[in-house]
Amino acid sequence: MNPKTRLRIIWFAFVAHLISVLFLALALAKGLPPNALPDRLTFISTQPTLWQIGWFSWMVAAFSLVLYFFLWAEKLPHENKKWGYLAVALTIAAVLSDWIGESLTITIAPRLAALALEGETFRQLYIIWENIFLVLTSGLANLLYTIGGIILTYYTVKHPYFPKWLAALNYLLWTAALLLSFAAYLSLTSWIPVISGLTFALLLPWFLLMGYGWLLLENLNEPQL
């Protein structure tokens, strides 16, 4: 893979996630726990376009992570590449889980939220859907992304010249991501915004630091800063 393509992938992943995180922080969070259910339903039903565009941005971000992990897998030594491709396969599975959840919430959530404001039966249906969405995205998809990242990290930090500070950043990122999945599976909705904030605060600079600090390097046989 030529350097220009690698650079484009790194910046694509960074920008795609920056946009999606901004959508989450400034808009989508209003339709998610721990906000009160009536407030969530009102926001989603009255701002359907914003809700749909916001989640579509996350679908794009998920795709960008597949490209980023593929770039990372390509940098592994030949004997470890099969593990890198396994990580990419897990990431593709994660994207499918993400896309199922996000495409469904784009298409059904606004209408279901409007109906839920009018009757208890639809309100209970919306709560069930919300829990399914949480498991598909913050739970299953995030866990698969994280396992893929851990595999790639494990085989990358073995390189004698991989920067120790970058290894530490990877460890912190995947630990936070694991905590996010556990919080989703355990329905700890009050903790999810905090853990998500920590994860994304690490993830955004990680794209560029990992990219410029390792993935763009041509000579991996000399100590890096």
Protein backbone atom coordinates (compact mmCIF):
# COMPACT_ATOMS: atom_id res chain seq x y z
CA MET A 1 0.00 0.00 0.00
CA ASN A 2 1.56 3.31 -1.06
CA PRO A 3 2.15 6.13 1.46
CA LYS A 4 -0.52 8.44 -0.02
CA THR A 5 -3.20 5.76 0.34
CA ARG A 6 -2.12 5.06 3.91
CA LEU A 7 -2.27 8.77 4.73
CA ARG A 8 -5.75 9.08 3.23
CA ILE A 9 -7.01 6.14 5.28
CA ILE A 10 -5.61 7.59 8.50
CA TRP A 11 -7.23 10.97 7.92
CA PHE A 12 -10.47 9.45 6.67
CA ALA A 13 -10.78 7.43 9.89
CA PHE A 14 -9.94 10.44 12.04
CA VAL A 15 -12.34 12.86 10.30
CA ALA A 16 -15.16 10.30 10.07
CA HIS A 17 -14.94 9.59 13.80
CA LEU A 18 -14.57 13.27 14.69
CA ILE A 19 -17.78 14.07 12.81
CA SER A 20 -19.66 11.16 14.36
CA VAL A 21 -18.45 11.99 17.88
CA LEU A 22 -19.60 15.60 17.41
CA PHE A 23 -23.00 14.35 16.26
CA LEU A 24 -23.16 12.12 19.34
CA ALA A 25 -22.15 14.82 21.79
CA LEU A 26 -24.23 17.66 20.34
CA ALA A 27 -27.35 15.84 19.15
CA LEU A 28 -27.68 12.07 19.37
CA ALA A 29 -27.02 11.96 23.12
CA LYS A 30 -30.36 13.74 23.63
CA GLY A 31 -32.09 10.64 22.33
CA LEU A 32 -30.11 8.18 24.45
CA PRO A 33 -30.08 7.11 28.12
CA PRO A 34 -29.59 8.29 30.78
CA ASN A 35 -31.88 11.11 29.60
CA ALA A 36 -35.48 10.61 30.70
CA LEU A 37 -37.51 8.43 28.32
CA PRO A 38 -40.09 11.16 27.45
CA ASP A 39 -37.25 13.53 26.56
CA ARG A 40 -35.59 10.89 24.40
CA LEU A 41 -38.82 10.08 22.58
CA THR A 42 -39.61 13.76 22.01
CA PHE A 43 -36.19 14.51 20.57
CA ILE A 44 -36.14 11.52 18.21
CA SER A 45 -39.70 12.02 16.97
CA THR A 46 -39.30 15.78 16.41
CA GLN A 47 -35.74 15.70 14.99
CA PRO A 48 -35.83 12.61 12.74
CA THR A 49 -33.52 14.01 10.06
CA LEU A 50 -30.84 14.99 12.56
CA TRP A 51 -31.16 11.58 14.21
CA GLN A 52 -30.84 9.77 10.87
CA ILE A 53 -27.88 11.81 9.59
CA GLY A 54 -26.11 11.39 12.91
CA TRP A 55 -26.35 7.61 12.87
CA PHE A 56 -25.42 7.46 9.20
CA SER A 57 -22.20 9.27 10.13
CA TRP A 58 -21.48 6.42 12.56
CA MET A 59 -22.00 3.90 9.76
CA VAL A 60 -19.34 5.73 7.74
CA ALA A 61 -17.03 5.83 10.78
CA ALA A 62 -17.42 2.06 11.22
CA PHE A 63 -16.40 1.48 7.60
CA SER A 64 -13.36 3.70 8.05
CA LEU A 65 -12.21 1.52 10.96
CA VAL A 66 -12.14 -1.55 8.68
CA LEU A 67 -9.79 0.32 6.34
CA TYR A 68 -7.66 1.50 9.25
CA PHE A 69 -7.34 -2.01 10.71
CA PHE A 70 -6.52 -3.42 7.27
CA LEU A 71 -3.75 -0.82 6.94
CA TRP A 72 -2.51 -1.85 10.39
CA ALA A 73 -2.62 -5.56 9.51
CA GLU A 74 -0.56 -4.88 6.40
CA LYS A 75 2.23 -3.42 8.58
CA LEU A 76 2.60 -6.62 10.63
CA PRO A 77 5.50 -8.98 9.91
CA HIS A 78 4.67 -11.69 7.37
CA GLU A 79 4.47 -14.43 10.01
CA ASN A 80 1.84 -12.47 11.96
CA LYS A 81 -0.28 -11.27 9.06
CA LYS A 82 -2.84 -14.08 9.46
CA TRP A 83 -3.63 -12.69 12.91
CA GLY A 84 -3.93 -9.22 11.45
CA TYR A 85 -6.42 -10.46 8.88
CA LEU A 86 -8.36 -12.22 11.65
CA ALA A 87 -8.60 -8.84 13.39
CA VAL A 88 -9.88 -7.30 10.15
CA ALA A 89 -12.46 -10.10 9.83
CA LEU A 90 -13.66 -9.40 13.38
CA THR A 91 -13.90 -5.73 12.50
CA ILE A 92 -16.03 -6.53 9.45
CA ALA A 93 -18.33 -8.59 11.69
CA ALA A 94 -18.48 -5.63 14.07
CA VAL A 95 -19.43 -3.32 11.21
CA LEU A 96 -22.27 -5.65 10.22
CA SER A 97 -23.60 -5.58 13.79
CA ASP A 98 -23.23 -1.79 13.90
CA TRP A 99 -24.90 -1.31 10.53
CA ILE A 100 -27.85 -3.54 11.44
CA GLY A 101 -28.46 -1.58 14.63
CA GLU A 102 -27.88 1.83 13.08
CA SER A 103 -29.86 1.21 9.88
CA LEU A 104 -32.79 -0.02 11.95
CA THR A 105 -32.65 2.94 14.33
CA ILE A 106 -32.50 5.26 11.31
CA THR A 107 -35.61 3.70 9.76
CA ILE A 108 -37.82 2.69 12.69
CA ALA A 109 -36.82 4.74 15.74
CA PRO A 110 -38.40 8.10 14.74
CA ARG A 111 -41.79 6.55 13.95
CA LEU A 112 -41.68 4.20 16.94
CA ALA A 113 -40.72 7.08 19.24
CA ALA A 114 -43.71 9.11 18.02
CA LEU A 115 -46.03 6.17 18.66
CA ALA A 116 -44.46 5.59 22.07
CA LEU A 117 -45.45 9.11 23.11
CA GLU A 118 -49.07 8.18 22.48
CA GLY A 119 -49.42 4.76 24.09
CA GLU A 120 -47.90 2.48 26.71
CA THR A 121 -47.68 -0.56 24.42
CA PHE A 122 -45.47 1.26 21.93
CA ARG A 123 -43.50 2.74 24.79
CA GLN A 124 -42.62 -0.75 26.00
CA LEU A 125 -41.75 -1.79 22.44
CA TYR A 126 -39.45 1.20 22.15
CA ILE A 127 -37.68 0.29 25.39
CA ILE A 128 -37.14 -3.25 24.08
CA TRP A 129 -35.75 -1.87 20.81
CA GLU A 130 -33.49 0.56 22.66
CA ASN A 131 -31.97 -2.31 24.65
CA ILE A 132 -31.42 -4.35 21.48
CA PHE A 133 -29.76 -1.35 19.82
CA LEU A 134 -27.47 -0.88 22.81
CA VAL A 135 -26.36 -4.51 22.72
CA LEU A 136 -25.81 -4.53 18.94
CA THR A 137 -23.71 -1.35 18.87
CA SER A 138 -22.07 -0.44 22.19
CA GLY A 139 -22.10 -4.10 23.24
CA LEU A 140 -21.39 -6.60 20.46
CA ALA A 141 -19.94 -4.34 17.75
CA ASN A 142 -17.69 -2.44 20.14
CA LEU A 143 -16.48 -5.69 21.70
CA LEU A 144 -15.52 -7.12 18.28
CA TYR A 145 -13.71 -3.90 17.34
CA THR A 146 -11.87 -4.06 20.65
CA ILE A 147 -10.83 -7.70 20.29
CA GLY A 148 -9.54 -6.88 16.81
CA GLY A 149 -7.59 -3.94 18.21
CA ILE A 150 -6.14 -6.07 21.01
CA ILE A 151 -4.97 -8.71 18.52
CA LEU A 152 -3.28 -6.10 16.35
CA THR A 153 -1.73 -4.42 19.36
CA TYR A 154 -0.40 -7.72 20.74
CA TYR A 155 1.48 -8.51 17.54
CA THR A 156 2.62 -4.92 17.02
CA VAL A 157 4.12 -4.25 20.44
CA LYS A 158 6.36 -7.29 19.93
CA HIS A 159 8.32 -5.24 17.44
CA PRO A 160 11.54 -4.19 19.23
CA TYR A 161 11.25 -0.58 18.06
CA PHE A 162 7.55 0.00 18.66
CA PRO A 163 7.36 3.14 20.86
CA LYS A 164 6.54 2.36 24.49
CA TRP A 165 4.38 5.48 24.81
CA LEU A 166 2.29 4.32 21.85
CA ALA A 167 1.94 0.86 23.41
CA ALA A 168 0.66 2.50 26.60
CA LEU A 169 -1.88 4.52 24.60
CA ASN A 170 -3.12 1.33 22.93
CA TYR A 171 -3.51 -0.41 26.29
CA LEU A 172 -5.50 2.51 27.69
CA LEU A 173 -7.74 2.72 24.64
CA TRP A 174 -8.68 -0.96 24.53
CA THR A 175 -9.23 -1.07 28.29
CA ALA A 176 -11.69 1.82 28.04
CA ALA A 177 -13.38 0.17 25.04
CA LEU A 178 -13.79 -3.09 26.95
CA LEU A 179 -15.37 -1.22 29.84
CA LEU A 180 -17.83 0.35 27.39
CA SER A 181 -18.95 -3.04 26.11
CA PHE A 182 -19.37 -4.40 29.63
CA ALA A 183 -21.40 -1.34 30.62
CA ALA A 184 -23.64 -1.89 27.57
CA TYR A 185 -24.17 -5.58 28.32
CA LEU A 186 -24.94 -4.83 31.96
CA SER A 187 -27.26 -1.91 30.99
CA LEU A 188 -25.28 0.52 33.13
CA THR A 189 -26.76 3.45 31.23
CA SER A 190 -25.55 6.07 33.69
CA TRP A 191 -21.96 4.92 33.15
CA ILE A 192 -22.05 4.64 29.36
CA PRO A 193 -21.72 8.42 28.62
CA VAL A 194 -18.72 8.68 30.95
CA ILE A 195 -16.96 5.63 29.56
CA SER A 196 -17.84 6.64 25.99
CA GLY A 197 -16.35 10.08 26.60
CA LEU A 198 -13.14 8.53 27.88
CA THR A 199 -12.97 6.06 24.98
CA PHE A 200 -13.49 8.73 22.31
CA ALA A 201 -11.08 11.11 24.03
CA LEU A 202 -8.44 8.41 23.57
CA LEU A 203 -9.61 7.19 20.16
CA LEU A 204 -9.51 10.46 18.22
CA PRO A 205 -5.85 11.36 18.90
CA TRP A 206 -4.98 7.64 18.67
CA PHE A 207 -5.88 7.59 14.96
CA LEU A 208 -3.26 10.23 14.21
CA LEU A 209 -0.67 9.23 16.78
CA MET A 210 -0.76 5.58 15.72
CA GLY A 211 -0.87 6.63 12.09
CA TYR A 212 2.06 9.05 12.12
CA GLY A 213 3.91 7.28 14.92
CA TRP A 214 3.90 3.84 13.26
CA LEU A 215 1.64 3.12 10.29
CA LEU A 216 3.22 5.71 7.98
CA LEU A 217 6.79 4.76 8.84
CA GLU A 218 8.78 3.11 6.07
CA ASN A 219 11.83 2.07 8.08
CA LEU A 220 10.81 -0.09 11.03
CA ASN A 221 14.30 -1.29 11.81
CA GLU A 222 15.39 1.75 13.77
CA PRO A 223 14.18 3.07 17.14
CA GLN A 224 11.29 5.55 16.81
CA LEU A 225 10.69 8.59 18.98
